[in-house]
Amino acid sequence: MVKSVEESVPAVAPEAPFAEALRHAIARRGLALNRIRTHLADRGLHVGVATLSTWQSGRRVPREDSLATVTALEELLQVPPGWLTVRIPPARSEPSTSPQPYAVVDYAEALTRLLDRLRRDAHGRLRNVTVLEEIHIGADRSAQRRRVIQSVVAVQPVDRLIIAHQGEPGCDAELLTLRALSGCRAGRVARSPEVGAMLGELLLDRVLAVGETAVVRYEVEDLSGLPSTDYQRFSEWGGMHYVLEVQFDRAALPVRVSEFRRRHTAGPNLAHRELMLTPDSRVHVIEPSADPGTVGIAWEWD
C-alpha cells in the first residue's frame, strides 16, 4: 500500500529542532543506532554511534562536513529531502544574526532588498529536489530564454516559489520577463536596475504542508540582446539533482565550452572540465547532488 505524504512524515512541528526531528524519524523507522551506522558505512559514510547519539540528544549538531551524512539519513529514514538538513542551526560564528539570503552570489544585498519588497518570510521554505534547466543562446550571442522544470519539497508551510535571475552586466532589468507555464501562476516581480536582476513569485496551486511536493514549469525571457559568455545556477542549500543544458544557435557557435563549480559566483573554480558540443549544437552538465554554491557552463566566442 502506498502511504500518503502525511503518513510518510513524522509528526513534528515545522519549527522542531534537528534533534527532536531525528529522534522521531528514527523511532518511526524502528532502527537501532548501530544499524544506522552500518547502513551509512555501506554508502561510504563513516559516523560513530556516539556521534549519532549526541545528534539525537541535542548535545551536538551536524556541521558542514557532515551534510552528506544528514542527506543520507533523510533517505534511510524515509523523510523528504531537506527535512532534517533545514533544521541544522547555523554555525555560531555570528550567533546574533541570521545568514543573509542568497549569500552565495555577489549581488546578494540587491536580491535581499528585492525580497523585502515581495515576501521575506517565503525564503527558505522550499528545497529543490530536481531542476532541469535549458538556456537558449540566440544568433546574436545573447541568452534569450531560460526554461526550467523544477520539483520542490516544503520544509515549512509555503504557497509560493521565489525565482531569482540576473541578466548580463549592463542589462535593462525591465527587459527580463518571468512566465509561469504549469503548476503555478505568476505573481509579483521586483527588479533591481543597479545589478540587472529580478525576483519573481510563482504562486503554487495550494499551500504545501511540510513534506509535500510540487512540480512547476516556467521560463525567463531576456530581450536585452547583450552577448553572454556563461550561465551558472546557484543553490543555497545544495542536495538537488541538477541538469543544465545550453542550446546554441547554429549561426553562432562558440569556439570553446567548459563546465565549472564554485562556492560563490565571484569565487575561484573548484572544478573545471572542457565540454564538447553535440551535433545539434547543445552541451550539458549533470550534477546528481549539487553542493551549496554554483554549477555552470562557460563559453568563448572567438
C-alpha atoms as a PDB file:
ATOM      1  CA  MET A   1       0.000   0.000   0.000  1.00  0.00           C
ATOM      2  CA  VAL A   2       1.328   3.435  -0.937  1.00  0.00           C
ATOM      3  CA  LYS A   3       1.455   5.818   2.006  1.00  0.00           C
ATOM      4  CA  SER A   4       0.179   9.367   1.761  1.00  0.00           C
ATOM      5  CA  VAL A   5       2.561  12.250   2.279  1.00  0.00           C
ATOM      6  CA  GLU A   6       1.111  12.875   5.751  1.00  0.00           C
ATOM      7  CA  GLU A   7       1.720   9.247   6.790  1.00  0.00           C
ATOM      8  CA  SER A   8       5.281   9.259   5.492  1.00  0.00           C
ATOM      9  CA  VAL A   9       6.441  12.267   7.535  1.00  0.00           C
ATOM     10  CA  PRO A  10       6.988  12.077  11.320  1.00  0.00           C
ATOM     11  CA  ALA A  11       4.514  14.158  13.298  1.00  0.00           C
ATOM     12  CA  VAL A  12       6.733  17.006  14.448  1.00  0.00           C
ATOM     13  CA  ALA A  13       6.171  20.744  14.173  1.00  0.00           C
ATOM     14  CA  PRO A  14       7.855  22.603  11.278  1.00  0.00           C
ATOM     15  CA  GLU A  15       9.875  24.602  13.813  1.00  0.00           C
ATOM     16  CA  ALA A  16      11.035  21.495  15.742  1.00  0.00           C
ATOM     17  CA  PRO A  17      14.837  21.372  16.232  1.00  0.00           C
ATOM     18  CA  PHE A  18      17.092  18.898  14.477  1.00  0.00           C
ATOM     19  CA  ALA A  19      17.440  16.572  17.493  1.00  0.00           C
ATOM     20  CA  GLU A  20      13.692  16.218  18.009  1.00  0.00           C
ATOM     21  CA  ALA A  21      13.066  15.573  14.319  1.00  0.00           C
ATOM     22  CA  LEU A  22      15.859  12.996  14.169  1.00  0.00           C
ATOM     23  CA  ARG A  23      14.535  11.149  17.252  1.00  0.00           C
ATOM     24  CA  HIS A  24      11.033  10.931  15.793  1.00  0.00           C
ATOM     25  CA  ALA A  25      12.321   9.780  12.398  1.00  0.00           C
ATOM     26  CA  ILE A  26      14.479   7.056  13.969  1.00  0.00           C
ATOM     27  CA  ALA A  27      11.649   5.888  16.231  1.00  0.00           C
ATOM     28  CA  ARG A  28       9.230   5.722  13.297  1.00  0.00           C
ATOM     29  CA  ARG A  29      11.636   3.510  11.336  1.00  0.00           C
ATOM     30  CA  GLY A  30      12.488   1.383  14.387  1.00  0.00           C
ATOM     31  CA  LEU A  31      16.213   1.313  13.634  1.00  0.00           C
ATOM     32  CA  ALA A  32      18.913   0.950  16.292  1.00  0.00           C
ATOM     33  CA  LEU A  33      21.822   3.377  16.055  1.00  0.00           C
ATOM     34  CA  ASN A  34      24.307   0.608  15.279  1.00  0.00           C
ATOM     35  CA  ARG A  35      22.171  -0.467  12.310  1.00  0.00           C
ATOM     36  CA  ILE A  36      22.028   3.126  11.095  1.00  0.00           C
ATOM     37  CA  ARG A  37      25.812   3.326  11.389  1.00  0.00           C
ATOM     38  CA  THR A  38      26.157   0.134   9.315  1.00  0.00           C
ATOM     39  CA  HIS A  39      23.797   1.415   6.604  1.00  0.00           C
ATOM     40  CA  LEU A  40      25.745   4.671   6.391  1.00  0.00           C
ATOM     41  CA  ALA A  41      29.068   2.816   6.245  1.00  0.00           C
ATOM     42  CA  ASP A  42      27.743   0.794   3.305  1.00  0.00           C
ATOM     43  CA  ARG A  43      27.385   4.130   1.497  1.00  0.00           C
ATOM     44  CA  GLY A  44      30.944   5.144   2.353  1.00  0.00           C
ATOM     45  CA  LEU A  45      29.864   7.470   5.180  1.00  0.00           C
ATOM     46  CA  HIS A  46      31.543   6.674   8.489  1.00  0.00           C
ATOM     47  CA  VAL A  47      29.956   8.083  11.623  1.00  0.00           C
ATOM     48  CA  GLY A  48      30.073   6.569  15.087  1.00  0.00           C
ATOM     49  CA  VAL A  49      27.167   5.508  17.266  1.00  0.00           C
ATOM     50  CA  ALA A  50      28.323   8.048  19.863  1.00  0.00           C
ATOM     51  CA  THR A  51      28.036  10.865  17.302  1.00  0.00           C
ATOM     52  CA  LEU A  52      24.560   9.753  16.242  1.00  0.00           C
ATOM     53  CA  SER A  53      23.578   9.623  19.909  1.00  0.00           C
ATOM     54  CA  THR A  54      24.750  13.195  20.544  1.00  0.00           C
ATOM     55  CA  TRP A  55      22.856  14.367  17.441  1.00  0.00           C
ATOM     56  CA  GLN A  56      19.545  12.892  18.566  1.00  0.00           C
ATOM     57  CA  SER A  57      20.025  14.066  22.153  1.00  0.00           C
ATOM     58  CA  GLY A  58      20.761  17.616  21.054  1.00  0.00           C
ATOM     59  CA  ARG A  59      24.169  17.763  22.749  1.00  0.00           C
ATOM     60  CA  ARG A  60      25.767  18.341  19.352  1.00  0.00           C
ATOM     61  CA  VAL A  61      24.520  19.173  15.851  1.00  0.00           C
ATOM     62  CA  PRO A  62      25.988  18.252  12.459  1.00  0.00           C
ATOM     63  CA  ARG A  63      28.220  20.763  10.765  1.00  0.00           C
ATOM     64  CA  GLU A  64      29.047  21.470   7.136  1.00  0.00           C
ATOM     65  CA  ASP A  65      31.348  18.474   6.724  1.00  0.00           C
ATOM     66  CA  SER A  66      28.502  16.174   7.849  1.00  0.00           C
ATOM     67  CA  LEU A  67      25.848  17.375   5.391  1.00  0.00           C
ATOM     68  CA  ALA A  68      26.359  14.330   3.148  1.00  0.00           C
ATOM     69  CA  THR A  69      25.657  12.109   6.153  1.00  0.00           C
ATOM     70  CA  VAL A  70      22.479  14.009   7.019  1.00  0.00           C
ATOM     71  CA  THR A  71      21.299  13.765   3.406  1.00  0.00           C
ATOM     72  CA  ALA A  72      21.868  10.003   3.530  1.00  0.00           C
ATOM     73  CA  LEU A  73      19.976   9.847   6.832  1.00  0.00           C
ATOM     74  CA  GLU A  74      16.984  11.529   5.182  1.00  0.00           C
ATOM     75  CA  GLU A  75      16.909   8.807   2.548  1.00  0.00           C
ATOM     76  CA  LEU A  76      17.499   5.993   5.035  1.00  0.00           C
ATOM     77  CA  LEU A  77      14.828   7.252   7.439  1.00  0.00           C
ATOM     78  CA  GLN A  78      12.417   7.850   4.543  1.00  0.00           C
ATOM     79  CA  VAL A  79      11.756  11.539   5.135  1.00  0.00           C
ATOM     80  CA  PRO A  80      11.570  14.200   2.383  1.00  0.00           C
ATOM     81  CA  PRO A  81      14.833  15.688   1.057  1.00  0.00           C
ATOM     82  CA  GLY A  82      15.863  18.626   3.224  1.00  0.00           C
ATOM     83  CA  TRP A  83      13.520  17.644   6.095  1.00  0.00           C
ATOM     84  CA  LEU A  84      16.443  17.189   8.503  1.00  0.00           C
ATOM     85  CA  THR A  85      19.002  19.412   6.788  1.00  0.00           C
ATOM     86  CA  VAL A  86      16.907  22.560   7.109  1.00  0.00           C
ATOM     87  CA  ARG A  87      16.789  22.123  10.890  1.00  0.00           C
ATOM     88  CA  ILE A  88      20.564  22.260  11.364  1.00  0.00           C
ATOM     89  CA  PRO A  89      21.286  25.570  13.101  1.00  0.00           C
ATOM     90  CA  PRO A  90      23.876  27.901  11.534  1.00  0.00           C
ATOM     91  CA  ALA A  91      27.451  27.939  12.789  1.00  0.00           C
ATOM     92  CA  ARG A  92      27.897  30.078  15.903  1.00  0.00           C
ATOM     93  CA  SER A  93      30.464  32.499  14.478  1.00  0.00           C
ATOM     94  CA  GLU A  94      27.684  35.134  14.341  1.00  0.00           C
ATOM     95  CA  PRO A  95      25.027  33.874  16.765  1.00  0.00           C
ATOM     96  CA  SER A  96      23.047  37.111  16.843  1.00  0.00           C
ATOM     97  CA  THR A  97      22.389  37.304  13.108  1.00  0.00           C
ATOM     98  CA  SER A  98      20.709  35.052  10.561  1.00  0.00           C
ATOM     99  CA  PRO A  99      22.551  34.072   7.379  1.00  0.00           C
ATOM    100  CA  GLN A 100      21.907  36.572   4.611  1.00  0.00           C
ATOM    101  CA  PRO A 101      19.633  35.246   1.892  1.00  0.00           C
ATOM    102  CA  TYR A 102      21.398  34.487  -1.399  1.00  0.00           C
ATOM    103  CA  ALA A 103      24.814  34.621   0.296  1.00  0.00           C
ATOM    104  CA  VAL A 104      26.396  32.508  -2.470  1.00  0.00           C
ATOM    105  CA  VAL A 105      26.007  35.296  -5.068  1.00  0.00           C
ATOM    106  CA  ASP A 106      27.868  38.596  -5.288  1.00  0.00           C
ATOM    107  CA  TYR A 107      24.628  40.566  -5.676  1.00  0.00           C
ATOM    108  CA  ALA A 108      23.052  39.147  -2.502  1.00  0.00           C
ATOM    109  CA  GLU A 109      22.336  42.569  -0.989  1.00  0.00           C
ATOM    110  CA  ALA A 110      20.357  43.653  -4.051  1.00  0.00           C
ATOM    111  CA  LEU A 111      18.349  40.410  -4.042  1.00  0.00           C
ATOM    112  CA  THR A 112      17.657  40.752  -0.321  1.00  0.00           C
ATOM    113  CA  ARG A 113      16.237  44.238  -0.875  1.00  0.00           C
ATOM    114  CA  LEU A 114      14.007  42.826  -3.621  1.00  0.00           C
ATOM    115  CA  LEU A 115      12.946  40.001  -1.300  1.00  0.00           C
ATOM    116  CA  ASP A 116      11.811  42.558   1.269  1.00  0.00           C
ATOM    117  CA  ARG A 117       9.533  44.042  -1.410  1.00  0.00           C
ATOM    118  CA  LEU A 118       7.954  40.630  -2.017  1.00  0.00           C
ATOM    119  CA  ARG A 119       7.739  38.122   0.852  1.00  0.00           C
ATOM    120  CA  ARG A 120      10.841  37.813   3.043  1.00  0.00           C
ATOM    121  CA  ASP A 121       9.206  35.018   5.061  1.00  0.00           C
ATOM    122  CA  ALA A 122       8.788  32.874   1.925  1.00  0.00           C
ATOM    123  CA  HIS A 123      12.556  32.486   1.541  1.00  0.00           C
ATOM    124  CA  GLY A 124      13.949  29.111   2.595  1.00  0.00           C
ATOM    125  CA  ARG A 125      10.616  27.307   2.947  1.00  0.00           C
ATOM    126  CA  LEU A 126      11.254  25.084  -0.088  1.00  0.00           C
ATOM    127  CA  ARG A 127      14.119  22.848  -1.118  1.00  0.00           C
ATOM    128  CA  ASN A 128      14.846  21.838  -4.688  1.00  0.00           C
ATOM    129  CA  VAL A 129      14.671  18.120  -5.407  1.00  0.00           C
ATOM    130  CA  THR A 130      15.321  18.124  -9.158  1.00  0.00           C
ATOM    131  CA  VAL A 131      15.979  21.035 -11.528  1.00  0.00           C
ATOM    132  CA  LEU A 132      16.158  20.659 -15.318  1.00  0.00           C
ATOM    133  CA  GLU A 133      17.230  23.907 -16.944  1.00  0.00           C
ATOM    134  CA  GLU A 134      17.657  24.806 -20.608  1.00  0.00           C
ATOM    135  CA  ILE A 135      19.324  28.022 -21.783  1.00  0.00           C
ATOM    136  CA  HIS A 136      18.787  29.194 -25.363  1.00  0.00           C
ATOM    137  CA  ILE A 137      21.586  31.291 -26.891  1.00  0.00           C
ATOM    138  CA  GLY A 138      20.457  33.215 -29.976  1.00  0.00           C
ATOM    139  CA  ALA A 139      22.229  34.129 -33.192  1.00  0.00           C
ATOM    140  CA  ASP A 140      23.078  37.483 -31.547  1.00  0.00           C
ATOM    141  CA  ARG A 141      25.004  35.528 -28.849  1.00  0.00           C
ATOM    142  CA  SER A 142      22.566  36.577 -26.131  1.00  0.00           C
ATOM    143  CA  ALA A 143      20.885  34.303 -23.593  1.00  0.00           C
ATOM    144  CA  GLN A 144      17.374  34.846 -24.880  1.00  0.00           C
ATOM    145  CA  ARG A 145      15.427  32.316 -22.858  1.00  0.00           C
ATOM    146  CA  ARG A 146      15.773  30.143 -19.778  1.00  0.00           C
ATOM    147  CA  ARG A 147      13.268  27.284 -19.440  1.00  0.00           C
ATOM    148  CA  VAL A 148      13.018  25.320 -16.200  1.00  0.00           C
ATOM    149  CA  ILE A 149      11.259  22.248 -14.834  1.00  0.00           C
ATOM    150  CA  GLN A 150      11.670  22.323 -11.063  1.00  0.00           C
ATOM    151  CA  SER A 151      10.445  19.903  -8.387  1.00  0.00           C
ATOM    152  CA  VAL A 152      10.429  21.144  -4.802  1.00  0.00           C
ATOM    153  CA  VAL A 153       9.624  19.877  -1.317  1.00  0.00           C
ATOM    154  CA  ALA A 154       8.283  22.052   1.502  1.00  0.00           C
ATOM    155  CA  VAL A 155      10.316  22.204   4.711  1.00  0.00           C
ATOM    156  CA  GLN A 156       7.858  24.746   6.115  1.00  0.00           C
ATOM    157  CA  PRO A 157       4.277  25.509   5.005  1.00  0.00           C
ATOM    158  CA  VAL A 158       4.503  27.600   1.833  1.00  0.00           C
ATOM    159  CA  ASP A 159       2.367  28.769  -1.085  1.00  0.00           C
ATOM    160  CA  ARG A 160       4.955  30.285  -3.429  1.00  0.00           C
ATOM    161  CA  LEU A 161       8.372  29.838  -5.002  1.00  0.00           C
ATOM    162  CA  ILE A 162      10.706  32.829  -5.352  1.00  0.00           C
ATOM    163  CA  ILE A 163      12.709  32.876  -8.597  1.00  0.00           C
ATOM    164  CA  ALA A 164      15.932  34.894  -8.969  1.00  0.00           C
ATOM    165  CA  HIS A 165      17.511  35.887 -12.277  1.00  0.00           C
ATOM    166  CA  GLN A 166      20.344  38.224 -13.267  1.00  0.00           C
ATOM    167  CA  GLY A 167      20.981  39.367 -16.813  1.00  0.00           C
ATOM    168  CA  GLU A 168      24.292  40.278 -18.395  1.00  0.00           C
ATOM    169  CA  PRO A 169      26.251  43.250 -16.988  1.00  0.00           C
ATOM    170  CA  GLY A 170      24.556  46.461 -18.084  1.00  0.00           C
ATOM    171  CA  CYS A 171      21.248  44.837 -18.987  1.00  0.00           C
ATOM    172  CA  ASP A 172      17.926  46.606 -18.547  1.00  0.00           C
ATOM    173  CA  ALA A 173      16.082  44.730 -15.794  1.00  0.00           C
ATOM    174  CA  GLU A 174      12.766  45.852 -17.299  1.00  0.00           C
ATOM    175  CA  LEU A 175      13.519  43.568 -20.257  1.00  0.00           C
ATOM    176  CA  LEU A 176      13.530  40.483 -18.016  1.00  0.00           C
ATOM    177  CA  THR A 177      10.187  38.641 -18.010  1.00  0.00           C
ATOM    178  CA  LEU A 178       9.079  35.702 -15.855  1.00  0.00           C
ATOM    179  CA  ARG A 179       6.347  33.426 -17.251  1.00  0.00           C
ATOM    180  CA  ALA A 180       4.602  30.583 -15.442  1.00  0.00           C
ATOM    181  CA  LEU A 181       3.993  27.589 -17.738  1.00  0.00           C
ATOM    182  CA  SER A 182       2.391  24.952 -15.496  1.00  0.00           C
ATOM    183  CA  GLY A 183       1.934  24.011 -11.857  1.00  0.00           C
ATOM    184  CA  CYS A 184       1.903  27.670 -10.798  1.00  0.00           C
ATOM    185  CA  ARG A 185       0.905  31.167 -11.825  1.00  0.00           C
ATOM    186  CA  ALA A 186       2.989  34.323 -11.977  1.00  0.00           C
ATOM    187  CA  GLY A 187       2.781  36.713  -9.042  1.00  0.00           C
ATOM    188  CA  ARG A 188       4.623  39.931  -8.288  1.00  0.00           C
ATOM    189  CA  VAL A 189       8.020  40.828  -9.764  1.00  0.00           C
ATOM    190  CA  ALA A 190      10.625  43.152  -8.250  1.00  0.00           C
ATOM    191  CA  ARG A 191      13.596  44.422 -10.286  1.00  0.00           C
ATOM    192  CA  SER A 192      16.980  45.943  -9.472  1.00  0.00           C
ATOM    193  CA  PRO A 193      18.280  48.238 -12.260  1.00  0.00           C
ATOM    194  CA  GLU A 194      21.633  48.546 -10.461  1.00  0.00           C
ATOM    195  CA  VAL A 195      22.593  44.878 -10.901  1.00  0.00           C
ATOM    196  CA  GLY A 196      20.230  43.936 -13.751  1.00  0.00           C
ATOM    197  CA  ALA A 197      18.395  41.372 -11.653  1.00  0.00           C
ATOM    198  CA  MET A 198      14.876  40.440 -10.686  1.00  0.00           C
ATOM    199  CA  LEU A 199      12.960  38.338  -8.184  1.00  0.00           C
ATOM    200  CA  GLY A 200       9.602  36.921  -9.161  1.00  0.00           C
ATOM    201  CA  GLU A 201       6.879  34.970  -7.395  1.00  0.00           C
ATOM    202  CA  LEU A 202       5.476  31.728  -8.717  1.00  0.00           C
ATOM    203  CA  LEU A 203       2.252  31.121  -6.805  1.00  0.00           C
ATOM    204  CA  LEU A 204       1.514  27.445  -6.200  1.00  0.00           C
ATOM    205  CA  ASP A 205      -1.921  25.901  -6.655  1.00  0.00           C
ATOM    206  CA  ARG A 206      -2.278  25.438  -2.879  1.00  0.00           C
ATOM    207  CA  VAL A 207      -0.382  25.765   0.389  1.00  0.00           C
ATOM    208  CA  LEU A 208       2.109  22.932   0.721  1.00  0.00           C
ATOM    209  CA  ALA A 209       2.423  21.292   4.132  1.00  0.00           C
ATOM    210  CA  VAL A 210       5.831  20.106   5.354  1.00  0.00           C
ATOM    211  CA  GLY A 211       6.976  17.196   3.200  1.00  0.00           C
ATOM    212  CA  GLU A 212       4.586  17.883   0.332  1.00  0.00           C
ATOM    213  CA  THR A 213       5.994  18.359  -3.150  1.00  0.00           C
ATOM    214  CA  ALA A 214       5.208  20.330  -6.292  1.00  0.00           C
ATOM    215  CA  VAL A 215       6.440  20.442  -9.883  1.00  0.00           C
ATOM    216  CA  VAL A 216       6.498  23.784 -11.675  1.00  0.00           C
ATOM    217  CA  ARG A 217       7.478  24.825 -15.185  1.00  0.00           C
ATOM    218  CA  TYR A 218       8.453  28.372 -16.010  1.00  0.00           C
ATOM    219  CA  GLU A 219      10.643  30.470 -18.261  1.00  0.00           C
ATOM    220  CA  VAL A 220      12.586  33.703 -18.066  1.00  0.00           C
ATOM    221  CA  GLU A 221      12.905  35.761 -21.256  1.00  0.00           C
ATOM    222  CA  ASP A 222      15.678  38.336 -21.708  1.00  0.00           C
ATOM    223  CA  LEU A 223      15.226  40.784 -24.582  1.00  0.00           C
ATOM    224  CA  SER A 224      18.321  42.863 -23.802  1.00  0.00           C
ATOM    225  CA  GLY A 225      20.325  41.308 -26.674  1.00  0.00           C
ATOM    226  CA  LEU A 226      23.632  41.521 -24.779  1.00  0.00           C
ATOM    227  CA  PRO A 227      26.247  38.860 -25.587  1.00  0.00           C
ATOM    228  CA  SER A 228      26.561  36.123 -22.968  1.00  0.00           C
ATOM    229  CA  THR A 229      29.623  34.070 -22.080  1.00  0.00           C
ATOM    230  CA  ASP A 230      28.379  31.860 -19.233  1.00  0.00           C
ATOM    231  CA  TYR A 231      25.442  30.723 -17.152  1.00  0.00           C
ATOM    232  CA  GLN A 232      25.559  29.471 -13.590  1.00  0.00           C
ATOM    233  CA  ARG A 233      22.801  28.287 -11.265  1.00  0.00           C
ATOM    234  CA  PHE A 234      23.233  28.925  -7.565  1.00  0.00           C
ATOM    235  CA  SER A 235      21.994  26.766  -4.706  1.00  0.00           C
ATOM    236  CA  GLU A 236      21.946  27.984  -1.126  1.00  0.00           C
ATOM    237  CA  TRP A 237      21.358  24.583   0.462  1.00  0.00           C
ATOM    238  CA  GLY A 238      22.552  22.010  -2.033  1.00  0.00           C
ATOM    239  CA  GLY A 239      21.337  18.441  -2.390  1.00  0.00           C
ATOM    240  CA  MET A 240      19.352  18.930  -5.604  1.00  0.00           C
ATOM    241  CA  HIS A 241      19.728  16.792  -8.719  1.00  0.00           C
ATOM    242  CA  TYR A 242      20.619  19.332 -11.385  1.00  0.00           C
ATOM    243  CA  VAL A 243      20.721  19.161 -15.187  1.00  0.00           C
ATOM    244  CA  LEU A 244      21.879  22.234 -17.117  1.00  0.00           C
ATOM    245  CA  GLU A 245      21.708  22.268 -20.919  1.00  0.00           C
ATOM    246  CA  VAL A 246      22.722  25.125 -23.206  1.00  0.00           C
ATOM    247  CA  GLN A 247      21.371  25.269 -26.765  1.00  0.00           C
ATOM    248  CA  PHE A 248      23.374  27.405 -29.208  1.00  0.00           C
ATOM    249  CA  ASP A 249      22.058  28.812 -32.459  1.00  0.00           C
ATOM    250  CA  ARG A 250      23.823  27.191 -35.420  1.00  0.00           C
ATOM    251  CA  ALA A 251      24.602  30.676 -36.750  1.00  0.00           C
ATOM    252  CA  ALA A 252      26.671  31.483 -33.639  1.00  0.00           C
ATOM    253  CA  LEU A 253      28.716  28.618 -32.234  1.00  0.00           C
ATOM    254  CA  PRO A 254      31.374  29.086 -29.523  1.00  0.00           C
ATOM    255  CA  VAL A 255      34.966  28.021 -30.073  1.00  0.00           C
ATOM    256  CA  ARG A 256      35.373  26.547 -26.573  1.00  0.00           C
ATOM    257  CA  VAL A 257      32.952  25.368 -23.858  1.00  0.00           C
ATOM    258  CA  SER A 258      33.609  24.224 -20.286  1.00  0.00           C
ATOM    259  CA  GLU A 259      31.757  23.403 -17.080  1.00  0.00           C
ATOM    260  CA  PHE A 260      32.671  24.808 -13.665  1.00  0.00           C
ATOM    261  CA  ARG A 261      31.695  24.718  -9.990  1.00  0.00           C
ATOM    262  CA  ARG A 262      32.180  27.423  -7.392  1.00  0.00           C
ATOM    263  CA  ARG A 263      31.365  28.090  -3.762  1.00  0.00           C
ATOM    264  CA  HIS A 264      30.386  31.661  -4.681  1.00  0.00           C
ATOM    265  CA  THR A 265      29.577  33.322  -8.001  1.00  0.00           C
ATOM    266  CA  ALA A 266      32.667  35.536  -7.700  1.00  0.00           C
ATOM    267  CA  GLY A 267      34.926  32.803  -6.307  1.00  0.00           C
ATOM    268  CA  PRO A 268      37.520  30.585  -7.982  1.00  0.00           C
ATOM    269  CA  ASN A 269      36.621  27.452  -9.885  1.00  0.00           C
ATOM    270  CA  LEU A 270      36.631  24.363  -7.676  1.00  0.00           C
ATOM    271  CA  ALA A 271      36.256  22.134 -10.731  1.00  0.00           C
ATOM    272  CA  HIS A 272      36.734  22.765 -14.424  1.00  0.00           C
ATOM    273  CA  ARG A 273      36.291  20.491 -17.434  1.00  0.00           C
ATOM    274  CA  GLU A 274      36.129  21.035 -21.184  1.00  0.00           C
ATOM    275  CA  LEU A 275      32.865  20.060 -22.885  1.00  0.00           C
ATOM    276  CA  MET A 276      32.052  19.012 -26.445  1.00  0.00           C
ATOM    277  CA  LEU A 277      29.108  20.330 -28.432  1.00  0.00           C
ATOM    278  CA  THR A 278      26.663  17.722 -29.706  1.00  0.00           C
ATOM    279  CA  PRO A 279      25.821  17.617 -33.448  1.00  0.00           C
ATOM    280  CA  ASP A 280      22.676  19.658 -32.724  1.00  0.00           C
ATOM    281  CA  SER A 281      24.709  22.400 -31.004  1.00  0.00           C
ATOM    282  CA  ARG A 282      23.930  21.506 -27.407  1.00  0.00           C
ATOM    283  CA  VAL A 283      26.052  20.973 -24.333  1.00  0.00           C
ATOM    284  CA  HIS A 284      25.077  19.854 -20.847  1.00  0.00           C
ATOM    285  CA  VAL A 285      26.166  19.225 -17.263  1.00  0.00           C
ATOM    286  CA  ILE A 286      24.582  16.763 -14.810  1.00  0.00           C
ATOM    287  CA  GLU A 287      25.131  17.135 -11.060  1.00  0.00           C
ATOM    288  CA  PRO A 288      23.482  14.299  -9.057  1.00  0.00           C
ATOM    289  CA  SER A 289      23.643  16.180  -5.734  1.00  0.00           C
ATOM    290  CA  ALA A 290      24.805  19.773  -6.045  1.00  0.00           C
ATOM    291  CA  ASP A 291      26.709  21.310  -3.137  1.00  0.00           C
ATOM    292  CA  PRO A 292      25.846  24.810  -1.904  1.00  0.00           C
ATOM    293  CA  GLY A 293      27.354  27.219  -4.408  1.00  0.00           C
ATOM    294  CA  THR A 294      27.071  27.283  -8.185  1.00  0.00           C
ATOM    295  CA  VAL A 295      27.219  24.932 -11.161  1.00  0.00           C
ATOM    296  CA  GLY A 296      27.709  26.499 -14.555  1.00  0.00           C
ATOM    297  CA  ILE A 297      28.808  26.366 -18.182  1.00  0.00           C
ATOM    298  CA  ALA A 298      31.092  28.972 -19.783  1.00  0.00           C
ATOM    299  CA  TRP A 299      31.956  29.516 -23.421  1.00  0.00           C
ATOM    300  CA  GLU A 300      34.241  31.600 -25.630  1.00  0.00           C
ATOM    301  CA  TRP A 301      33.168  33.144 -28.921  1.00  0.00           C
ATOM    302  CA  ASP A 302      36.446  33.979 -30.676  1.00  0.00           C
END
